[in-house]
């Protein structure tokens, strides 16, 4: 008997995950942060998918609109600390 495992929506969209993929850190470089800030100025807060597609060559291929939103929240949170 062969056991098959159902893929989660995340795995089906992104492909199979390696055992080490959860440990991998996807570091943002300055170009990504600048593209995010420029995209928010151009498209506004909440247009994460437009920002992502508008700057596709800059963002790494695994970034999603939710990743951009999360980074924007962190940028705003830490900008207000200064």
Protein backbone atom coordinates (compact mmCIF):
# COMPACT_ATOMS: atom_id res chain seq x y z
CA UNK A 1 0.00 0.00 0.00
CA UNK A 2 1.39 3.37 -1.05
CA UNK A 3 0.59 6.30 1.16
CA UNK A 4 0.08 9.57 -0.61
CA UNK A 5 -0.02 12.89 1.11
CA UNK A 6 -2.36 15.68 0.10
CA UNK A 7 -0.63 18.89 -0.73
CA UNK A 8 -1.62 22.01 1.10
CA UNK A 9 -2.65 25.00 -0.99
CA UNK A 10 0.75 26.53 -0.28
CA UNK A 11 2.62 23.48 -1.53
CA UNK A 12 0.40 23.12 -4.60
CA UNK A 13 1.04 26.75 -5.54
CA UNK A 14 4.76 26.86 -4.80
CA UNK A 15 5.74 23.29 -5.48
CA UNK A 16 7.11 20.68 -3.11
CA UNK A 17 8.98 21.96 -0.09
CA UNK A 18 12.38 20.63 0.82
CA UNK A 19 13.06 19.69 4.44
CA UNK A 20 15.31 22.74 4.78
CA UNK A 21 13.01 25.25 3.08
CA UNK A 22 11.42 26.33 6.33
CA UNK A 23 14.87 27.18 7.62
CA UNK A 24 15.82 29.26 4.60
CA UNK A 25 15.82 32.98 5.23
CA UNK A 26 14.70 35.12 2.33
CA UNK A 27 16.68 38.27 2.99
CA UNK A 28 15.49 41.49 1.40
CA UNK A 29 18.02 43.73 -0.19
CA UNK A 30 17.85 47.51 -0.36
CA UNK A 31 16.52 47.42 -3.93
CA UNK A 32 13.45 45.47 -2.81
CA UNK A 33 12.73 47.89 0.03
CA UNK A 34 13.12 50.89 -2.30
CA UNK A 35 10.83 49.25 -4.88
CA UNK A 36 8.26 48.60 -2.17
CA UNK A 37 8.36 52.22 -0.96
CA UNK A 38 8.12 53.57 -4.52
CA UNK A 39 5.26 51.17 -5.27
CA UNK A 40 3.31 52.35 -2.23
CA UNK A 41 3.82 55.96 -3.34
CA UNK A 42 2.63 55.10 -6.86
CA UNK A 43 -0.18 52.59 -6.18
CA UNK A 44 -1.02 53.21 -2.52
CA UNK A 45 -1.24 50.92 0.49
CA UNK A 46 -3.14 47.73 -0.27
CA UNK A 47 -2.20 47.36 -3.95
CA UNK A 48 0.40 44.72 -3.12
CA UNK A 49 -0.14 42.60 -6.21
CA UNK A 50 0.19 45.64 -8.50
CA UNK A 51 3.40 46.64 -6.74
CA UNK A 52 4.70 43.10 -7.12
CA UNK A 53 3.92 42.82 -10.83
CA UNK A 54 5.12 46.35 -11.54
CA UNK A 55 8.55 45.53 -10.05
CA UNK A 56 8.76 41.84 -10.99
CA UNK A 57 12.47 41.91 -11.96
CA UNK A 58 13.44 43.41 -8.59
CA UNK A 59 11.59 41.06 -6.22
CA UNK A 60 12.72 37.47 -5.90
CA UNK A 61 10.38 35.01 -7.57
CA UNK A 62 8.97 33.58 -4.34
CA UNK A 63 7.67 36.90 -2.98
CA UNK A 64 3.92 37.32 -2.69
CA UNK A 65 1.66 40.28 -2.10
CA UNK A 66 1.29 39.15 1.51
CA UNK A 67 5.09 39.24 1.89
CA UNK A 68 5.07 42.84 0.67
CA UNK A 69 2.27 43.76 3.07
CA UNK A 70 4.11 42.19 5.99
CA UNK A 71 7.31 44.04 5.15
CA UNK A 72 5.40 47.32 4.81
CA UNK A 73 3.84 46.83 8.26
CA UNK A 74 7.31 46.26 9.72
CA UNK A 75 8.73 49.31 7.95
CA UNK A 76 5.94 51.46 9.36
CA UNK A 77 6.26 49.98 12.84
CA UNK A 78 9.99 50.63 13.06
CA UNK A 79 9.78 54.04 11.37
CA UNK A 80 7.45 55.21 14.13
CA UNK A 81 9.96 54.21 16.81
CA UNK A 82 12.45 56.90 15.79
